Amino acid sequence: MKEQPIGIFDSGVGGLTVANAIKQILPGESLVYFGDTAHLPYGDKSAEAIRYYSGKITEFLLDHNAKAILVACNSASASAFDTLKKEFQDRAPMIDVIDPVVDYLATRNFRKVGVIGTKRTISSGTYDAKIRERIPGTRLVSMATPLLVPMIE
């Protein structure tokens, strides 16, 4: 019987950098990557559309025996992660990319932080809220950069 993989998804191929980092840290783990290039980019989609796409992808990965789901997309982490966690956490651990960034910033005690991202990521306010909650008094500047995804992809 094959080992259960870690399921990873992004709106395109940018999340392959996350998959590569996981492979470096956990070389014995099997990975399954889903790049949703049919709906790329997520950054200009509604939160509802992102939740829908993310839910379908998560269901697909779990149906293919993923033992954990890593949402390697900031727009999906910002707009869909809470919903995904509520819906699927009983089937597999759910991991986003925002919380580890905020955790890292908190350990470094940064007092000035700049966040760039897609329109959806920035307009969600998720980074701002989590950074302000974990690191009170942080001076925060957030800016949507619509050309970021095309450059990454």
N, C-alpha and C. Protein backbone atom coordinates (compact mmCIF):
# COMPACT_ATOMS: atom_id res chain seq x y z
N MET A 1 0.84 -1.19 0.00
CA MET A 1 0.00 0.00 0.00
C MET A 1 0.88 1.25 0.00
N LYS A 2 0.54 2.21 -0.84
CA LYS A 2 1.29 3.45 -0.93
C LYS A 2 1.08 4.30 0.31
N GLU A 3 2.14 5.02 0.70
CA GLU A 3 2.04 5.96 1.82
C GLU A 3 1.11 7.10 1.44
N GLN A 4 0.35 7.58 2.41
CA GLN A 4 -0.54 8.72 2.15
C GLN A 4 0.29 9.97 1.93
N PRO A 5 -0.03 10.74 0.89
CA PRO A 5 0.73 11.96 0.62
C PRO A 5 0.19 13.16 1.39
N ILE A 6 1.00 14.20 1.42
CA ILE A 6 0.55 15.51 1.87
C ILE A 6 0.00 16.20 0.63
N GLY A 7 -1.22 16.70 0.70
CA GLY A 7 -1.84 17.41 -0.42
C GLY A 7 -1.55 18.89 -0.32
N ILE A 8 -1.09 19.47 -1.42
CA ILE A 8 -0.74 20.89 -1.47
C ILE A 8 -1.46 21.50 -2.66
N PHE A 9 -2.04 22.70 -2.46
CA PHE A 9 -2.63 23.36 -3.63
C PHE A 9 -2.39 24.86 -3.63
N ASP A 10 -2.40 25.39 -4.84
CA ASP A 10 -2.26 26.82 -5.09
C ASP A 10 -3.09 27.13 -6.33
N SER A 11 -3.23 28.41 -6.63
CA SER A 11 -3.99 28.80 -7.81
C SER A 11 -3.17 28.61 -9.09
N GLY A 12 -1.92 28.30 -8.96
CA GLY A 12 -1.05 28.10 -10.12
C GLY A 12 0.16 27.28 -9.73
N VAL A 13 1.30 27.67 -10.28
CA VAL A 13 2.52 26.91 -10.00
C VAL A 13 3.40 27.56 -8.94
N GLY A 14 3.03 28.75 -8.47
CA GLY A 14 3.84 29.44 -7.46
C GLY A 14 4.02 28.63 -6.19
N GLY A 15 3.02 27.82 -5.84
CA GLY A 15 3.09 27.00 -4.63
C GLY A 15 4.08 25.86 -4.73
N LEU A 16 4.63 25.63 -5.92
CA LEU A 16 5.66 24.60 -6.05
C LEU A 16 6.89 24.94 -5.20
N THR A 17 7.11 26.23 -4.93
CA THR A 17 8.21 26.60 -4.03
C THR A 17 7.95 26.09 -2.62
N VAL A 18 6.69 26.10 -2.21
CA VAL A 18 6.31 25.56 -0.90
C VAL A 18 6.51 24.04 -0.91
N ALA A 19 6.08 23.39 -1.98
CA ALA A 19 6.25 21.94 -2.09
C ALA A 19 7.73 21.57 -2.05
N ASN A 20 8.56 22.35 -2.73
CA ASN A 20 10.00 22.09 -2.73
C ASN A 20 10.58 22.24 -1.32
N ALA A 21 10.15 23.26 -0.59
CA ALA A 21 10.63 23.46 0.78
C ALA A 21 10.23 22.29 1.67
N ILE A 22 9.01 21.80 1.51
CA ILE A 22 8.56 20.65 2.30
C ILE A 22 9.39 19.43 1.96
N LYS A 23 9.68 19.24 0.68
CA LYS A 23 10.48 18.10 0.25
C LYS A 23 11.88 18.17 0.86
N GLN A 24 12.43 19.38 0.99
CA GLN A 24 13.75 19.55 1.60
C GLN A 24 13.72 19.21 3.09
N ILE A 25 12.67 19.64 3.76
CA ILE A 25 12.55 19.42 5.21
C ILE A 25 12.11 17.99 5.53
N LEU A 26 11.22 17.46 4.72
CA LEU A 26 10.65 16.12 4.94
C LEU A 26 10.87 15.25 3.70
N PRO A 27 12.11 14.86 3.43
CA PRO A 27 12.40 14.16 2.17
C PRO A 27 11.70 12.81 2.02
N GLY A 28 11.28 12.20 3.11
CA GLY A 28 10.62 10.91 3.02
C GLY A 28 9.13 10.98 2.75
N GLU A 29 8.58 12.18 2.75
CA GLU A 29 7.13 12.35 2.55
C GLU A 29 6.76 12.36 1.08
N SER A 30 5.63 11.75 0.78
CA SER A 30 5.05 11.83 -0.56
C SER A 30 4.19 13.09 -0.62
N LEU A 31 4.22 13.75 -1.76
CA LEU A 31 3.44 14.97 -1.96
C LEU A 31 2.56 14.83 -3.20
N VAL A 32 1.38 15.45 -3.13
CA VAL A 32 0.52 15.60 -4.30
C VAL A 32 0.24 17.09 -4.42
N TYR A 33 0.51 17.65 -5.61
CA TYR A 33 0.34 19.08 -5.83
C TYR A 33 -0.78 19.32 -6.84
N PHE A 34 -1.66 20.26 -6.50
CA PHE A 34 -2.75 20.65 -7.40
C PHE A 34 -2.60 22.14 -7.69
N GLY A 35 -2.25 22.47 -8.92
CA GLY A 35 -2.17 23.86 -9.36
C GLY A 35 -3.41 24.19 -10.18
N ASP A 36 -4.26 25.05 -9.66
CA ASP A 36 -5.54 25.36 -10.30
C ASP A 36 -5.37 26.42 -11.39
N THR A 37 -4.62 26.07 -12.42
CA THR A 37 -4.36 27.04 -13.49
C THR A 37 -5.61 27.38 -14.30
N ALA A 38 -6.65 26.57 -14.18
CA ALA A 38 -7.90 26.89 -14.88
C ALA A 38 -8.56 28.15 -14.33
N HIS A 39 -8.29 28.47 -13.06
CA HIS A 39 -8.92 29.63 -12.43
C HIS A 39 -7.91 30.69 -11.98
N LEU A 40 -6.70 30.55 -12.42
CA LEU A 40 -5.62 31.49 -12.09
C LEU A 40 -5.92 32.85 -12.69
N PRO A 41 -5.68 33.95 -12.00
CA PRO A 41 -5.24 34.06 -10.61
C PRO A 41 -6.45 34.14 -9.67
N TYR A 42 -6.26 33.71 -8.43
CA TYR A 42 -7.32 33.82 -7.43
C TYR A 42 -7.46 35.25 -6.92
N GLY A 43 -6.41 36.03 -7.02
CA GLY A 43 -6.39 37.36 -6.42
C GLY A 43 -7.44 38.32 -6.91
N ASP A 44 -7.98 38.08 -8.09
CA ASP A 44 -9.04 38.97 -8.59
C ASP A 44 -10.42 38.31 -8.54
N LYS A 45 -10.51 37.17 -7.87
CA LYS A 45 -11.79 36.46 -7.73
C LYS A 45 -12.48 36.87 -6.43
N SER A 46 -13.77 36.62 -6.36
CA SER A 46 -14.51 36.89 -5.12
C SER A 46 -14.12 35.86 -4.06
N ALA A 47 -14.33 36.22 -2.81
CA ALA A 47 -14.06 35.28 -1.71
C ALA A 47 -14.90 34.03 -1.88
N GLU A 48 -16.14 34.19 -2.33
CA GLU A 48 -17.04 33.05 -2.52
C GLU A 48 -16.49 32.09 -3.57
N ALA A 49 -16.01 32.63 -4.68
CA ALA A 49 -15.45 31.79 -5.73
C ALA A 49 -14.21 31.04 -5.23
N ILE A 50 -13.36 31.74 -4.49
CA ILE A 50 -12.15 31.11 -3.96
C ILE A 50 -12.52 30.00 -2.97
N ARG A 51 -13.52 30.24 -2.14
CA ARG A 51 -13.97 29.19 -1.21
C ARG A 51 -14.49 27.98 -1.98
N TYR A 52 -15.23 28.23 -3.04
CA TYR A 52 -15.77 27.14 -3.86
C TYR A 52 -14.63 26.32 -4.49
N TYR A 53 -13.71 27.00 -5.18
CA TYR A 53 -12.60 26.29 -5.83
C TYR A 53 -11.77 25.53 -4.79
N SER A 54 -11.47 26.20 -3.68
CA SER A 54 -10.64 25.59 -2.64
C SER A 54 -11.32 24.37 -2.02
N GLY A 55 -12.62 24.45 -1.83
CA GLY A 55 -13.36 23.31 -1.29
C GLY A 55 -13.34 22.12 -2.23
N LYS A 56 -13.53 22.37 -3.52
CA LYS A 56 -13.49 21.29 -4.51
C LYS A 56 -12.10 20.65 -4.58
N ILE A 57 -11.07 21.47 -4.54
CA ILE A 57 -9.70 20.94 -4.60
C ILE A 57 -9.38 20.14 -3.34
N THR A 58 -9.77 20.66 -2.19
CA THR A 58 -9.52 19.95 -0.93
C THR A 58 -10.23 18.60 -0.95
N GLU A 59 -11.47 18.59 -1.40
CA GLU A 59 -12.23 17.33 -1.51
C GLU A 59 -11.50 16.35 -2.43
N PHE A 60 -11.02 16.84 -3.56
CA PHE A 60 -10.29 16.00 -4.51
C PHE A 60 -9.04 15.40 -3.85
N LEU A 61 -8.26 16.23 -3.17
CA LEU A 61 -7.03 15.74 -2.53
C LEU A 61 -7.34 14.72 -1.44
N LEU A 62 -8.37 14.98 -0.66
CA LEU A 62 -8.75 14.04 0.40
C LEU A 62 -9.28 12.73 -0.20
N ASP A 63 -10.01 12.83 -1.29
CA ASP A 63 -10.50 11.62 -1.97
C ASP A 63 -9.34 10.79 -2.54
N HIS A 64 -8.19 11.44 -2.72
CA HIS A 64 -6.99 10.74 -3.18
C HIS A 64 -6.03 10.48 -2.01
N ASN A 65 -6.62 10.33 -0.83
CA ASN A 65 -5.92 9.88 0.38
C ASN A 65 -4.87 10.82 0.95
N ALA A 66 -5.00 12.12 0.71
CA ALA A 66 -4.06 13.05 1.34
C ALA A 66 -4.24 12.96 2.85
N LYS A 67 -3.12 12.91 3.57
CA LYS A 67 -3.18 12.81 5.03
C LYS A 67 -3.19 14.19 5.69
N ALA A 68 -2.86 15.22 4.94
CA ALA A 68 -2.89 16.61 5.41
C ALA A 68 -3.05 17.49 4.18
N ILE A 69 -3.61 18.67 4.38
CA ILE A 69 -3.80 19.62 3.29
C ILE A 69 -3.06 20.91 3.63
N LEU A 70 -2.20 21.34 2.70
CA LEU A 70 -1.50 22.60 2.86
C LEU A 70 -2.00 23.55 1.79
N VAL A 71 -2.60 24.64 2.22
CA VAL A 71 -3.10 25.67 1.30
C VAL A 71 -1.93 26.60 1.02
N ALA A 72 -1.26 26.41 -0.12
CA ALA A 72 -0.04 27.13 -0.44
C ALA A 72 -0.31 28.44 -1.17
N CYS A 73 -1.53 28.89 -1.13
CA CYS A 73 -1.97 30.10 -1.83
C CYS A 73 -2.41 31.13 -0.79
N ASN A 74 -1.82 32.32 -0.84
CA ASN A 74 -2.19 33.37 0.11
C ASN A 74 -3.64 33.80 -0.05
N SER A 75 -4.11 33.94 -1.29
CA SER A 75 -5.50 34.36 -1.51
C SER A 75 -6.47 33.32 -0.95
N ALA A 76 -6.19 32.04 -1.17
CA ALA A 76 -7.05 30.98 -0.63
C ALA A 76 -6.91 30.89 0.88
N SER A 77 -5.70 31.08 1.40
CA SER A 77 -5.52 31.07 2.86
C SER A 77 -6.31 32.20 3.50
N ALA A 78 -6.30 33.37 2.86
CA ALA A 78 -7.00 34.54 3.41
C ALA A 78 -8.51 34.42 3.29
N SER A 79 -9.00 33.86 2.19
CA SER A 79 -10.43 33.86 1.91
C SER A 79 -11.16 32.57 2.23
N ALA A 80 -10.44 31.45 2.23
CA ALA A 80 -11.12 30.16 2.33
C ALA A 80 -10.67 29.29 3.49
N PHE A 81 -9.53 29.59 4.11
CA PHE A 81 -8.96 28.65 5.07
C PHE A 81 -9.88 28.36 6.25
N ASP A 82 -10.49 29.37 6.83
CA ASP A 82 -11.37 29.12 7.98
C ASP A 82 -12.52 28.19 7.60
N THR A 83 -13.09 28.39 6.42
CA THR A 83 -14.17 27.53 5.94
C THR A 83 -13.67 26.11 5.70
N LEU A 84 -12.51 25.99 5.06
CA LEU A 84 -11.93 24.67 4.80
C LEU A 84 -11.66 23.93 6.11
N LYS A 85 -11.12 24.65 7.07
CA LYS A 85 -10.79 24.03 8.35
C LYS A 85 -12.06 23.49 9.03
N LYS A 86 -13.12 24.31 9.03
CA LYS A 86 -14.38 23.86 9.64
C LYS A 86 -14.94 22.64 8.93
N GLU A 87 -14.86 22.65 7.60
CA GLU A 87 -15.47 21.59 6.82
C GLU A 87 -14.66 20.29 6.79
N PHE A 88 -13.32 20.41 6.83
CA PHE A 88 -12.50 19.23 6.57
C PHE A 88 -11.56 18.81 7.69
N GLN A 89 -11.48 19.57 8.78
CA GLN A 89 -10.49 19.25 9.81
C GLN A 89 -10.69 17.89 10.45
N ASP A 90 -11.90 17.34 10.37
CA ASP A 90 -12.13 16.00 10.91
C ASP A 90 -11.56 14.91 10.01
N ARG A 91 -11.20 15.27 8.77
CA ARG A 91 -10.65 14.29 7.83
C ARG A 91 -9.13 14.37 7.72
N ALA A 92 -8.56 15.55 7.96
CA ALA A 92 -7.11 15.72 7.84
C ALA A 92 -6.71 17.06 8.44
N PRO A 93 -5.48 17.15 8.95
CA PRO A 93 -4.99 18.45 9.42
C PRO A 93 -4.94 19.44 8.25
N MET A 94 -5.29 20.68 8.54
CA MET A 94 -5.31 21.74 7.54
C MET A 94 -4.26 22.78 7.92
N ILE A 95 -3.45 23.18 6.95
CA ILE A 95 -2.36 24.13 7.19
C ILE A 95 -2.46 25.24 6.15
N ASP A 96 -2.30 26.48 6.59
CA ASP A 96 -2.30 27.60 5.64
C ASP A 96 -0.90 28.18 5.55
N VAL A 97 -0.72 29.23 4.75
CA VAL A 97 0.59 29.86 4.65
C VAL A 97 0.67 31.17 5.42
N ILE A 98 -0.43 31.66 5.93
CA ILE A 98 -0.42 32.93 6.64
C ILE A 98 0.05 32.76 8.08
N ASP A 99 -0.50 31.79 8.79
CA ASP A 99 -0.13 31.62 10.20
C ASP A 99 1.37 31.39 10.41
N PRO A 100 2.05 30.57 9.60
CA PRO A 100 3.49 30.42 9.81
C PRO A 100 4.27 31.72 9.60
N VAL A 101 3.83 32.55 8.66
CA VAL A 101 4.49 33.84 8.44
C VAL A 101 4.31 34.72 9.67
N VAL A 102 3.09 34.79 10.18
CA VAL A 102 2.81 35.62 11.36
C VAL A 102 3.58 35.07 12.57
N ASP A 103 3.63 33.75 12.72
CA ASP A 103 4.40 33.14 13.81
C ASP A 103 5.87 33.54 13.72
N TYR A 104 6.43 33.49 12.52
CA TYR A 104 7.82 33.89 12.32
C TYR A 104 8.03 35.36 12.70
N LEU A 105 7.15 36.22 12.21
CA LEU A 105 7.27 37.64 12.54
C LEU A 105 7.21 37.87 14.05
N ALA A 106 6.34 37.14 14.73
CA ALA A 106 6.20 37.29 16.18
C ALA A 106 7.47 36.87 16.91
N THR A 107 8.15 35.83 16.43
CA THR A 107 9.37 35.39 17.10
C THR A 107 10.52 36.36 16.88
N ARG A 108 10.45 37.13 15.82
CA ARG A 108 11.50 38.09 15.51
C ARG A 108 11.22 39.47 16.10
N ASN A 109 10.01 39.65 16.63
CA ASN A 109 9.61 40.90 17.27
C ASN A 109 9.76 42.11 16.35
N PHE A 110 9.38 41.94 15.10
CA PHE A 110 9.40 43.06 14.16
C PHE A 110 8.39 44.11 14.61
N ARG A 111 8.73 45.37 14.45
CA ARG A 111 7.84 46.47 14.80
C ARG A 111 7.34 47.21 13.56
N LYS A 112 7.97 46.98 12.42
CA LYS A 112 7.53 47.55 11.15
C LYS A 112 7.44 46.40 10.15
N VAL A 113 6.27 46.24 9.56
CA VAL A 113 6.04 45.13 8.64
C VAL A 113 5.33 45.65 7.39
N GLY A 114 5.82 45.23 6.24
CA GLY A 114 5.16 45.50 4.97
C GLY A 114 4.62 44.21 4.39
N VAL A 115 3.39 44.24 3.93
CA VAL A 115 2.76 43.06 3.32
C VAL A 115 2.35 43.42 1.90
N ILE A 116 2.82 42.63 0.94
CA ILE A 116 2.35 42.78 -0.44
C ILE A 116 1.63 41.50 -0.82
N GLY A 117 0.64 41.63 -1.65
CA GLY A 117 -0.12 40.45 -2.06
C GLY A 117 -1.13 40.80 -3.12
N THR A 118 -1.94 39.83 -3.46
CA THR A 118 -3.00 40.06 -4.44
C THR A 118 -4.06 40.97 -3.83
N LYS A 119 -4.91 41.47 -4.69
CA LYS A 119 -6.01 42.32 -4.23
C LYS A 119 -6.86 41.59 -3.19
N ARG A 120 -7.16 40.32 -3.44
CA ARG A 120 -8.00 39.54 -2.52
C ARG A 120 -7.29 39.32 -1.19
N THR A 121 -5.99 38.99 -1.22
CA THR A 121 -5.25 38.76 0.02
C THR A 121 -5.25 40.02 0.88
N ILE A 122 -4.94 41.14 0.29
CA ILE A 122 -4.85 42.39 1.04
C ILE A 122 -6.23 42.86 1.50
N SER A 123 -7.22 42.82 0.61
CA SER A 123 -8.56 43.32 0.98
C SER A 123 -9.23 42.45 2.04
N SER A 124 -8.81 41.21 2.18
CA SER A 124 -9.39 40.34 3.22
C SER A 124 -9.04 40.84 4.62
N GLY A 125 -7.91 41.54 4.75
CA GLY A 125 -7.47 42.02 6.06
C GLY A 125 -6.92 40.93 6.97
N THR A 126 -6.75 39.72 6.45
CA THR A 126 -6.32 38.60 7.28
C THR A 126 -4.92 38.81 7.84
N TYR A 127 -3.97 39.18 6.98
CA TYR A 127 -2.61 39.42 7.47
C TYR A 127 -2.62 40.52 8.53
N ASP A 128 -3.28 41.64 8.22
CA ASP A 128 -3.31 42.77 9.15
C ASP A 128 -3.87 42.35 10.51
N ALA A 129 -5.00 41.66 10.50
CA ALA A 129 -5.64 41.25 11.76
C ALA A 129 -4.75 40.30 12.56
N LYS A 130 -4.17 39.33 11.89
CA LYS A 130 -3.35 38.34 12.60
C LYS A 130 -2.05 38.95 13.11
N ILE A 131 -1.44 39.84 12.32
CA ILE A 131 -0.22 40.50 12.78
C ILE A 131 -0.52 41.40 13.96
N ARG A 132 -1.58 42.19 13.87
CA ARG A 132 -1.92 43.10 14.98
C ARG A 132 -2.29 42.33 16.24
N GLU A 133 -2.92 41.16 16.08
CA GLU A 133 -3.28 40.34 17.23
C GLU A 133 -2.04 39.75 17.90
N ARG A 134 -1.12 39.24 17.10
CA ARG A 134 0.07 38.58 17.64
C ARG A 134 1.17 39.55 18.05
N ILE A 135 1.26 40.69 17.35
CA ILE A 135 2.34 41.64 17.61
C ILE A 135 1.72 43.03 17.77
N PRO A 136 1.07 43.28 18.92
CA PRO A 136 0.43 44.58 19.12
C PRO A 136 1.45 45.73 18.97
N GLY A 137 0.98 46.82 18.40
CA GLY A 137 1.83 47.99 18.24
C GLY A 137 2.69 47.97 16.99
N THR A 138 2.57 46.93 16.19
CA THR A 138 3.35 46.85 14.96
C THR A 138 2.86 47.88 13.96
N ARG A 139 3.80 48.59 13.36
CA ARG A 139 3.46 49.51 12.28
C ARG A 139 3.35 48.68 11.00
N LEU A 140 2.20 48.73 10.37
CA LEU A 140 1.90 47.83 9.27
C LEU A 140 1.49 48.60 8.02
N VAL A 141 2.10 48.24 6.90
CA VAL A 141 1.72 48.80 5.61
C VAL A 141 1.40 47.62 4.70
N SER A 142 0.19 47.60 4.15
CA SER A 142 -0.23 46.54 3.24
C SER A 142 -0.57 47.14 1.89
N MET A 143 -0.13 46.47 0.83
CA MET A 143 -0.38 46.99 -0.51
C MET A 143 -0.69 45.86 -1.48
N ALA A 144 -1.78 46.03 -2.21
CA ALA A 144 -2.12 45.08 -3.27
C ALA A 144 -1.19 45.30 -4.46
N THR A 145 -0.68 44.21 -4.98
CA THR A 145 0.22 44.27 -6.14
C THR A 145 -0.33 43.32 -7.21
N PRO A 146 -1.25 43.81 -8.04
CA PRO A 146 -1.93 42.95 -9.01
C PRO A 146 -1.00 42.27 -10.01
N LEU A 147 0.17 42.83 -10.25
CA LEU A 147 1.09 42.22 -11.22
C LEU A 147 1.99 41.16 -10.60
N LEU A 148 1.85 40.95 -9.30
CA LEU A 148 2.71 39.98 -8.60
C LEU A 148 2.51 38.56 -9.14
N VAL A 149 1.27 38.12 -9.26
CA VAL A 149 1.01 36.74 -9.70
C VAL A 149 1.53 36.49 -11.11
N PRO A 150 1.26 37.37 -12.08
CA PRO A 150 1.81 37.11 -13.42
C PRO A 150 3.35 37.00 -13.42
N MET A 151 4.02 37.78 -12.57
CA MET A 151 5.48 37.69 -12.50
C MET A 151 5.92 36.35 -11.91
N ILE A 152 5.20 35.87 -10.89
CA ILE A 152 5.55 34.60 -10.24
C ILE A 152 5.26 33.43 -11.18
N GLU A 153 4.12 33.48 -11.83
CA GLU A 153 3.71 32.38 -12.70
C GLU A 153 4.52 32.38 -13.97
